[in-house]
Amino acid sequence: MAQLKSARSRVPEALANKRQRYAKLAAKRTEERATARKESVLKRREIIKKARAYDHEYKKAAKSLVAQKKAAKAQGNFYVDDEPKLALVIRIRGINQISPKPKKVLQLLRLRQIGNAVFVRLNKASIEMLRIADPFIAWGYPTQSTISKLIYKRGAGKINGQRIKLQSNSVVETGLGHLGLNCVEDLIHELYTVGSNFKEANNWLYPIKLSAPRGGWTKITNHFIEGGDFGNREQYINALAKKMN
């Protein structure tokens, strides 16, 4: 009887090896998950630290601007802001009655559809392009808050030729990690400050698709300063972006 029990309890060698192999794999997976969890926590802490540093930088710049304006006013002078470095450009009209030159400029700006919005570094050449396309676009100088809201709500990047929404920081890290941009806050900071990697980061970001503004357009065939919609709105582009976001 004892011999019979011993024979039944004996596990075949192949099965024993299989169980041992599975046990090792399970232990390895558990270890990898624990390591990944630790790395994820560290990465999250680093991103939070970066976001706080950027926020401190923006607030410091805003305070400095207020202080400089007060100082200029106290001395009976006017404070003149620096030349804007960044523009938010929104296409507001279609292809009807469009001549080849503005059409080409809109293609170069990647504004192929009504409601598309892009960020443009302002220099002599880009300002000239904006003037050519002026009757078909509304543009101005976005604040950090406007950029942040647009990117978080409607931002999408190019991964393997596909349009992928910026649902997590990993999308930015996959697309722009080689530039040192590892999270959405890094991308926003690079765009707002027009950093050294602005061109590549901006080209990686798809044109932002905006809705028609709440309340509709005023008159898209008139310039903004004439009570219409197209042309340079300067800081008032932020109000338009809010209506369209």
C-alpha atoms as a PDB file:
ATOM      1  CA  MET A   1       0.000   0.000   0.000  1.00  0.00           C
ATOM      2  CA  ALA A   2       2.833   2.372   0.895  1.00  0.00           C
ATOM      3  CA  GLN A   3       4.543   1.596  -2.387  1.00  0.00           C
ATOM      4  CA  LEU A   4       1.308   2.373  -4.302  1.00  0.00           C
ATOM      5  CA  LYS A   5       0.989   5.813  -2.567  1.00  0.00           C
ATOM      6  CA  SER A   6       4.639   6.599  -3.303  1.00  0.00           C
ATOM      7  CA  ALA A   7       4.122   5.760  -6.973  1.00  0.00           C
ATOM      8  CA  ARG A   8       1.041   8.012  -7.180  1.00  0.00           C
ATOM      9  CA  SER A   9       2.719  10.955  -5.384  1.00  0.00           C
ATOM     10  CA  ARG A  10       5.765  10.852  -7.626  1.00  0.00           C
ATOM     11  CA  VAL A  11       5.585  13.747 -10.153  1.00  0.00           C
ATOM     12  CA  PRO A  12       6.904  13.119 -13.678  1.00  0.00           C
ATOM     13  CA  GLU A  13      10.219  14.895 -14.324  1.00  0.00           C
ATOM     14  CA  ALA A  14       8.883  16.849 -17.318  1.00  0.00           C
ATOM     15  CA  LEU A  15       5.965  18.200 -15.256  1.00  0.00           C
ATOM     16  CA  ALA A  16       8.282  19.077 -12.345  1.00  0.00           C
ATOM     17  CA  ASN A  17      10.593  20.995 -14.716  1.00  0.00           C
ATOM     18  CA  LYS A  18       7.595  22.798 -16.235  1.00  0.00           C
ATOM     19  CA  ARG A  19       6.323  23.865 -12.791  1.00  0.00           C
ATOM     20  CA  GLN A  20       9.806  25.047 -11.818  1.00  0.00           C
ATOM     21  CA  ARG A  21      10.106  27.031 -15.063  1.00  0.00           C
ATOM     22  CA  TYR A  22       6.690  28.669 -14.548  1.00  0.00           C
ATOM     23  CA  ALA A  23       7.546  29.492 -10.926  1.00  0.00           C
ATOM     24  CA  LYS A  24      10.754  31.252 -12.090  1.00  0.00           C
ATOM     25  CA  LEU A  25       8.833  33.189 -14.777  1.00  0.00           C
ATOM     26  CA  ALA A  26       6.182  34.270 -12.258  1.00  0.00           C
ATOM     27  CA  ALA A  27       8.894  35.435  -9.827  1.00  0.00           C
ATOM     28  CA  LYS A  28      10.634  37.356 -12.649  1.00  0.00           C
ATOM     29  CA  ARG A  29       7.362  39.052 -13.709  1.00  0.00           C
ATOM     30  CA  THR A  30       6.612  40.032 -10.108  1.00  0.00           C
ATOM     31  CA  GLU A  31      10.085  41.541  -9.789  1.00  0.00           C
ATOM     32  CA  GLU A  32       9.730  43.409 -13.104  1.00  0.00           C
ATOM     33  CA  ARG A  33       6.326  44.800 -12.062  1.00  0.00           C
ATOM     34  CA  ALA A  34       7.742  46.008  -8.742  1.00  0.00           C
ATOM     35  CA  THR A  35      10.691  47.662 -10.533  1.00  0.00           C
ATOM     36  CA  ALA A  36       8.374  49.298 -13.108  1.00  0.00           C
ATOM     37  CA  ARG A  37       6.134  50.566 -10.300  1.00  0.00           C
ATOM     38  CA  LYS A  38       9.113  52.143  -8.519  1.00  0.00           C
ATOM     39  CA  GLU A  39      10.346  53.750 -11.751  1.00  0.00           C
ATOM     40  CA  SER A  40       6.834  55.072 -12.486  1.00  0.00           C
ATOM     41  CA  VAL A  41       6.615  56.676  -9.023  1.00  0.00           C
ATOM     42  CA  LEU A  42      10.056  58.296  -9.442  1.00  0.00           C
ATOM     43  CA  LYS A  43       9.155  59.551 -12.937  1.00  0.00           C
ATOM     44  CA  ARG A  44       5.858  60.977 -11.676  1.00  0.00           C
ATOM     45  CA  ARG A  45       7.656  62.807  -8.862  1.00  0.00           C
ATOM     46  CA  GLU A  46      10.156  64.243 -11.357  1.00  0.00           C
ATOM     47  CA  ILE A  47       7.325  65.460 -13.638  1.00  0.00           C
ATOM     48  CA  ILE A  48       5.516  67.104 -10.697  1.00  0.00           C
ATOM     49  CA  LYS A  49       8.786  68.779  -9.692  1.00  0.00           C
ATOM     50  CA  LYS A  50       9.250  70.080 -13.260  1.00  0.00           C
ATOM     51  CA  ALA A  51       5.666  71.377 -13.415  1.00  0.00           C
ATOM     52  CA  ARG A  52       6.151  73.274 -10.146  1.00  0.00           C
ATOM     53  CA  ALA A  53       9.438  74.751 -11.402  1.00  0.00           C
ATOM     54  CA  TYR A  54       7.777  75.908 -14.642  1.00  0.00           C
ATOM     55  CA  ASP A  55       4.844  77.380 -12.702  1.00  0.00           C
ATOM     56  CA  HIS A  56       7.282  79.261 -10.452  1.00  0.00           C
ATOM     57  CA  GLU A  57       9.101  80.550 -13.558  1.00  0.00           C
ATOM     58  CA  TYR A  58       5.861  81.823 -15.158  1.00  0.00           C
ATOM     59  CA  LYS A  59       4.712  83.533 -11.938  1.00  0.00           C
ATOM     60  CA  LYS A  60       8.140  85.115 -11.429  1.00  0.00           C
ATOM     61  CA  ALA A  61       8.083  86.507 -14.993  1.00  0.00           C
ATOM     62  CA  ALA A  62       4.553  87.894 -14.466  1.00  0.00           C
ATOM     63  CA  LYS A  63       5.577  89.587 -11.187  1.00  0.00           C
ATOM     64  CA  SER A  64       8.685  91.028 -12.822  1.00  0.00           C
ATOM     65  CA  LEU A  65       6.561  92.501 -15.651  1.00  0.00           C
ATOM     66  CA  VAL A  66       4.157  94.135 -13.170  1.00  0.00           C
ATOM     67  CA  ALA A  67       7.092  95.562 -11.171  1.00  0.00           C
ATOM     68  CA  GLN A  68       8.724  97.005 -14.307  1.00  0.00           C
ATOM     69  CA  LYS A  69       5.455  98.640 -15.406  1.00  0.00           C
ATOM     70  CA  LYS A  70       4.968 100.186 -11.941  1.00  0.00           C
ATOM     71  CA  ALA A  71       8.545 101.464 -11.904  1.00  0.00           C
ATOM     72  CA  ALA A  72       8.138 103.024 -15.357  1.00  0.00           C
ATOM     73  CA  LYS A  73       4.849 104.652 -14.339  1.00  0.00           C
ATOM     74  CA  ALA A  74       6.381 106.035 -11.125  1.00  0.00           C
ATOM     75  CA  GLN A  75       9.061 107.748 -13.202  1.00  0.00           C
ATOM     76  CA  GLY A  76       6.492 109.147 -15.639  1.00  0.00           C
ATOM     77  CA  ASN A  77       7.506 106.775 -18.441  1.00  0.00           C
ATOM     78  CA  PHE A  78       5.807 103.997 -20.393  1.00  0.00           C
ATOM     79  CA  TYR A  79       6.967 100.389 -20.236  1.00  0.00           C
ATOM     80  CA  VAL A  80       7.312  98.802 -23.683  1.00  0.00           C
ATOM     81  CA  ASP A  81       6.978  95.006 -23.793  1.00  0.00           C
ATOM     82  CA  ASP A  82       9.484  92.843 -25.650  1.00  0.00           C
ATOM     83  CA  GLU A  83       8.623  91.842 -29.196  1.00  0.00           C
ATOM     84  CA  PRO A  84       6.359  88.750 -29.123  1.00  0.00           C
ATOM     85  CA  LYS A  85       8.170  85.548 -30.083  1.00  0.00           C
ATOM     86  CA  LEU A  86       5.158  83.254 -30.559  1.00  0.00           C
ATOM     87  CA  ALA A  87       1.839  83.448 -32.406  1.00  0.00           C
ATOM     88  CA  LEU A  88      -1.254  81.275 -32.329  1.00  0.00           C
ATOM     89  CA  VAL A  89      -2.721  81.154 -35.849  1.00  0.00           C
ATOM     90  CA  ILE A  90      -6.275  79.920 -36.557  1.00  0.00           C
ATOM     91  CA  ARG A  91      -7.737  79.404 -40.025  1.00  0.00           C
ATOM     92  CA  ILE A  92     -11.205  80.970 -40.266  1.00  0.00           C
ATOM     93  CA  ARG A  93     -12.067  80.825 -44.006  1.00  0.00           C
ATOM     94  CA  GLY A  94     -12.277  78.160 -46.707  1.00  0.00           C
ATOM     95  CA  ILE A  95     -10.807  77.897 -50.204  1.00  0.00           C
ATOM     96  CA  ASN A  96     -13.394  80.034 -52.048  1.00  0.00           C
ATOM     97  CA  GLN A  97     -11.859  83.027 -53.877  1.00  0.00           C
ATOM     98  CA  ILE A  98      -8.333  82.209 -52.734  1.00  0.00           C
ATOM     99  CA  SER A  99      -5.356  83.108 -54.927  1.00  0.00           C
ATOM    100  CA  PRO A 100      -2.336  80.765 -55.257  1.00  0.00           C
ATOM    101  CA  LYS A 101      -0.004  82.729 -52.977  1.00  0.00           C
ATOM    102  CA  PRO A 102      -2.154  82.744 -49.790  1.00  0.00           C
ATOM    103  CA  LYS A 103      -3.120  79.127 -50.559  1.00  0.00           C
ATOM    104  CA  LYS A 104       0.554  78.119 -50.590  1.00  0.00           C
ATOM    105  CA  VAL A 105       1.214  80.016 -47.335  1.00  0.00           C
ATOM    106  CA  LEU A 106      -1.690  78.239 -45.630  1.00  0.00           C
ATOM    107  CA  GLN A 107      -0.234  74.902 -46.785  1.00  0.00           C
ATOM    108  CA  LEU A 108       3.204  75.843 -45.432  1.00  0.00           C
ATOM    109  CA  LEU A 109       1.600  76.810 -42.110  1.00  0.00           C
ATOM    110  CA  ARG A 110      -0.219  73.406 -42.101  1.00  0.00           C
ATOM    111  CA  LEU A 111      -3.597  75.172 -41.981  1.00  0.00           C
ATOM    112  CA  ARG A 112      -5.463  72.900 -44.390  1.00  0.00           C
ATOM    113  CA  GLN A 113      -8.912  73.075 -42.764  1.00  0.00           C
ATOM    114  CA  ILE A 114     -11.158  75.731 -41.213  1.00  0.00           C
ATOM    115  CA  GLY A 115     -10.682  75.695 -37.429  1.00  0.00           C
ATOM    116  CA  ASN A 116      -7.126  74.349 -37.560  1.00  0.00           C
ATOM    117  CA  ALA A 117      -4.729  76.144 -35.197  1.00  0.00           C
ATOM    118  CA  VAL A 118      -0.927  76.118 -35.138  1.00  0.00           C
ATOM    119  CA  PHE A 119       1.873  77.827 -33.232  1.00  0.00           C
ATOM    120  CA  VAL A 120       4.302  79.946 -35.253  1.00  0.00           C
ATOM    121  CA  ARG A 121       7.678  81.372 -34.224  1.00  0.00           C
ATOM    122  CA  LEU A 122       7.586  85.082 -35.069  1.00  0.00           C
ATOM    123  CA  ASN A 123      10.415  86.486 -37.177  1.00  0.00           C
ATOM    124  CA  LYS A 124      10.636  88.667 -40.292  1.00  0.00           C
ATOM    125  CA  ALA A 125       9.858  85.786 -42.684  1.00  0.00           C
ATOM    126  CA  SER A 126       6.952  84.302 -40.701  1.00  0.00           C
ATOM    127  CA  ILE A 127       5.337  87.739 -40.134  1.00  0.00           C
ATOM    128  CA  GLU A 128       5.487  88.327 -43.909  1.00  0.00           C
ATOM    129  CA  MET A 129       3.765  84.964 -44.465  1.00  0.00           C
ATOM    130  CA  LEU A 130       1.055  85.845 -41.950  1.00  0.00           C
ATOM    131  CA  ARG A 131       0.417  89.141 -43.751  1.00  0.00           C
ATOM    132  CA  ILE A 132      -0.049  87.306 -47.068  1.00  0.00           C
ATOM    133  CA  ALA A 133      -2.555  84.887 -45.509  1.00  0.00           C
ATOM    134  CA  ASP A 134      -4.165  87.579 -43.313  1.00  0.00           C
ATOM    135  CA  PRO A 135      -7.715  87.514 -44.850  1.00  0.00           C
ATOM    136  CA  PHE A 136      -8.008  83.773 -44.095  1.00  0.00           C
ATOM    137  CA  ILE A 137      -6.625  83.628 -40.551  1.00  0.00           C
ATOM    138  CA  ALA A 138      -7.039  85.072 -37.074  1.00  0.00           C
ATOM    139  CA  TRP A 139      -3.823  85.275 -35.075  1.00  0.00           C
ATOM    140  CA  GLY A 140      -2.272  86.809 -32.005  1.00  0.00           C
ATOM    141  CA  TYR A 141      -0.039  86.237 -28.995  1.00  0.00           C
ATOM    142  CA  PRO A 142      -1.107  83.334 -26.752  1.00  0.00           C
ATOM    143  CA  THR A 143      -0.579  83.203 -22.994  1.00  0.00           C
ATOM    144  CA  GLN A 144       0.878  80.160 -21.248  1.00  0.00           C
ATOM    145  CA  SER A 145      -2.593  79.379 -19.903  1.00  0.00           C
ATOM    146  CA  THR A 146      -4.109  79.331 -23.416  1.00  0.00           C
ATOM    147  CA  ILE A 147      -1.356  77.039 -24.758  1.00  0.00           C
ATOM    148  CA  SER A 148      -1.781  74.704 -21.782  1.00  0.00           C
ATOM    149  CA  LYS A 149      -5.578  74.434 -22.219  1.00  0.00           C
ATOM    150  CA  LEU A 150      -5.309  73.787 -25.970  1.00  0.00           C
ATOM    151  CA  ILE A 151      -2.614  71.119 -25.588  1.00  0.00           C
ATOM    152  CA  TYR A 152      -4.279  69.290 -22.702  1.00  0.00           C
ATOM    153  CA  LYS A 153      -7.737  69.257 -24.313  1.00  0.00           C
ATOM    154  CA  ARG A 154      -7.006  68.858 -28.038  1.00  0.00           C
ATOM    155  CA  GLY A 155      -3.276  68.155 -28.442  1.00  0.00           C
ATOM    156  CA  ALA A 156      -2.117  65.188 -30.555  1.00  0.00           C
ATOM    157  CA  GLY A 157       1.334  64.044 -31.636  1.00  0.00           C
ATOM    158  CA  LYS A 158       2.793  61.946 -34.440  1.00  0.00           C
ATOM    159  CA  ILE A 159       3.776  58.386 -33.420  1.00  0.00           C
ATOM    160  CA  ASN A 160       4.795  56.054 -36.301  1.00  0.00           C
ATOM    161  CA  GLY A 161       2.865  58.249 -38.737  1.00  0.00           C
ATOM    162  CA  GLN A 162      -0.314  58.071 -36.668  1.00  0.00           C
ATOM    163  CA  ARG A 163      -2.208  60.843 -34.872  1.00  0.00           C
ATOM    164  CA  ILE A 164      -2.121  59.966 -31.151  1.00  0.00           C
ATOM    165  CA  LYS A 165      -3.893  62.133 -28.549  1.00  0.00           C
ATOM    166  CA  LEU A 166      -1.735  63.384 -25.665  1.00  0.00           C
ATOM    167  CA  GLN A 167      -3.598  61.262 -23.120  1.00  0.00           C
ATOM    168  CA  SER A 168      -0.464  60.634 -21.067  1.00  0.00           C
ATOM    169  CA  ASN A 169       3.103  61.844 -20.683  1.00  0.00           C
ATOM    170  CA  SER A 170       4.367  58.625 -22.283  1.00  0.00           C
ATOM    171  CA  VAL A 171       3.130  59.845 -25.707  1.00  0.00           C
ATOM    172  CA  VAL A 172       5.358  62.940 -25.462  1.00  0.00           C
ATOM    173  CA  GLU A 173       8.261  60.855 -24.140  1.00  0.00           C
ATOM    174  CA  THR A 174       7.953  58.406 -27.056  1.00  0.00           C
ATOM    175  CA  GLY A 175       7.841  61.184 -29.664  1.00  0.00           C
ATOM    176  CA  LEU A 176      10.161  63.822 -28.180  1.00  0.00           C
ATOM    177  CA  GLY A 177      12.149  62.029 -25.473  1.00  0.00           C
ATOM    178  CA  HIS A 178      15.321  62.319 -27.591  1.00  0.00           C
ATOM    179  CA  LEU A 179      15.025  66.118 -27.211  1.00  0.00           C
ATOM    180  CA  GLY A 180      14.712  65.909 -23.420  1.00  0.00           C
ATOM    181  CA  LEU A 181      10.947  66.570 -23.547  1.00  0.00           C
ATOM    182  CA  ASN A 182       9.429  63.810 -21.426  1.00  0.00           C
ATOM    183  CA  CYS A 183       6.013  65.144 -20.415  1.00  0.00           C
ATOM    184  CA  VAL A 184       3.210  67.445 -21.564  1.00  0.00           C
ATOM    185  CA  GLU A 185       4.507  70.274 -19.323  1.00  0.00           C
ATOM    186  CA  ASP A 186       7.901  70.057 -21.083  1.00  0.00           C
ATOM    187  CA  LEU A 187       6.150  70.435 -24.458  1.00  0.00           C
ATOM    188  CA  ILE A 188       4.080  73.419 -23.258  1.00  0.00           C
ATOM    189  CA  HIS A 189       7.200  75.108 -21.841  1.00  0.00           C
ATOM    190  CA  GLU A 190       9.137  74.531 -25.076  1.00  0.00           C
ATOM    191  CA  LEU A 191       6.347  76.100 -27.147  1.00  0.00           C
ATOM    192  CA  TYR A 192       5.672  79.040 -24.813  1.00  0.00           C
ATOM    193  CA  THR A 193       9.334  80.002 -24.412  1.00  0.00           C
ATOM    194  CA  VAL A 194      10.129  79.220 -28.094  1.00  0.00           C
ATOM    195  CA  GLY A 195      13.028  77.034 -26.963  1.00  0.00           C
ATOM    196  CA  SER A 196      15.921  75.607 -28.979  1.00  0.00           C
ATOM    197  CA  ASN A 197      13.859  72.537 -29.961  1.00  0.00           C
ATOM    198  CA  PHE A 198      10.729  74.537 -30.843  1.00  0.00           C
ATOM    199  CA  LYS A 199      10.734  73.684 -34.553  1.00  0.00           C
ATOM    200  CA  GLU A 200      10.935  69.901 -34.103  1.00  0.00           C
ATOM    201  CA  ALA A 201       8.482  69.861 -31.175  1.00  0.00           C
ATOM    202  CA  ASN A 202       6.002  72.073 -33.056  1.00  0.00           C
ATOM    203  CA  ASN A 203       6.226  69.954 -36.229  1.00  0.00           C
ATOM    204  CA  TRP A 204       5.666  66.770 -34.163  1.00  0.00           C
ATOM    205  CA  LEU A 205       2.480  68.308 -32.754  1.00  0.00           C
ATOM    206  CA  TYR A 206      -0.498  68.002 -35.120  1.00  0.00           C
ATOM    207  CA  PRO A 207      -2.484  71.173 -35.966  1.00  0.00           C
ATOM    208  CA  ILE A 208      -5.074  71.599 -33.219  1.00  0.00           C
ATOM    209  CA  LYS A 209      -8.665  71.094 -34.405  1.00  0.00           C
ATOM    210  CA  LEU A 210     -10.920  73.751 -32.867  1.00  0.00           C
ATOM    211  CA  SER A 211     -14.707  74.100 -32.952  1.00  0.00           C
ATOM    212  CA  ALA A 212     -16.621  77.090 -34.331  1.00  0.00           C
ATOM    213  CA  PRO A 213     -16.605  79.898 -31.713  1.00  0.00           C
ATOM    214  CA  ARG A 214     -19.533  80.021 -29.320  1.00  0.00           C
ATOM    215  CA  GLY A 215     -21.861  82.788 -30.556  1.00  0.00           C
ATOM    216  CA  GLY A 216     -20.464  82.504 -34.092  1.00  0.00           C
ATOM    217  CA  TRP A 217     -18.224  84.846 -36.091  1.00  0.00           C
ATOM    218  CA  THR A 218     -18.849  88.590 -36.340  1.00  0.00           C
ATOM    219  CA  LYS A 219     -17.848  89.150 -39.998  1.00  0.00           C
ATOM    220  CA  ILE A 220     -15.026  87.062 -41.435  1.00  0.00           C
ATOM    221  CA  THR A 221     -14.599  89.360 -44.463  1.00  0.00           C
ATOM    222  CA  ASN A 222     -13.614  92.323 -42.257  1.00  0.00           C
ATOM    223  CA  HIS A 223     -10.388  92.910 -40.334  1.00  0.00           C
ATOM    224  CA  PHE A 224     -10.490  92.642 -36.547  1.00  0.00           C
ATOM    225  CA  ILE A 225      -9.742  96.350 -36.091  1.00  0.00           C
ATOM    226  CA  GLU A 226     -12.752  97.120 -38.308  1.00  0.00           C
ATOM    227  CA  GLY A 227     -15.039  95.045 -36.103  1.00  0.00           C
ATOM    228  CA  GLY A 228     -14.523  91.849 -38.114  1.00  0.00           C
ATOM    229  CA  ASP A 229     -12.662  88.605 -37.455  1.00  0.00           C
ATOM    230  CA  PHE A 230      -9.512  88.167 -39.558  1.00  0.00           C
ATOM    231  CA  GLY A 231      -6.017  89.524 -38.917  1.00  0.00           C
ATOM    232  CA  ASN A 232      -3.838  90.187 -35.896  1.00  0.00           C
ATOM    233  CA  ARG A 233      -5.792  90.311 -32.616  1.00  0.00           C
ATOM    234  CA  GLU A 234      -2.668  90.563 -30.415  1.00  0.00           C
ATOM    235  CA  GLN A 235      -3.646  89.464 -26.853  1.00  0.00           C
ATOM    236  CA  TYR A 236      -7.348  89.121 -27.804  1.00  0.00           C
ATOM    237  CA  ILE A 237      -6.563  85.823 -29.568  1.00  0.00           C
ATOM    238  CA  ASN A 238      -6.773  84.224 -26.103  1.00  0.00           C
ATOM    239  CA  ALA A 239     -10.468  85.094 -25.794  1.00  0.00           C
ATOM    240  CA  LEU A 240     -11.144  83.616 -29.257  1.00  0.00           C
ATOM    241  CA  ALA A 241      -9.220  80.425 -28.427  1.00  0.00           C
ATOM    242  CA  LYS A 242     -11.290  80.054 -25.260  1.00  0.00           C
ATOM    243  CA  LYS A 243     -14.527  80.324 -27.291  1.00  0.00           C
ATOM    244  CA  MET A 244     -13.301  77.712 -29.793  1.00  0.00           C
ATOM    245  CA  ASN A 245     -11.728  75.222 -27.367  1.00  0.00           C
END
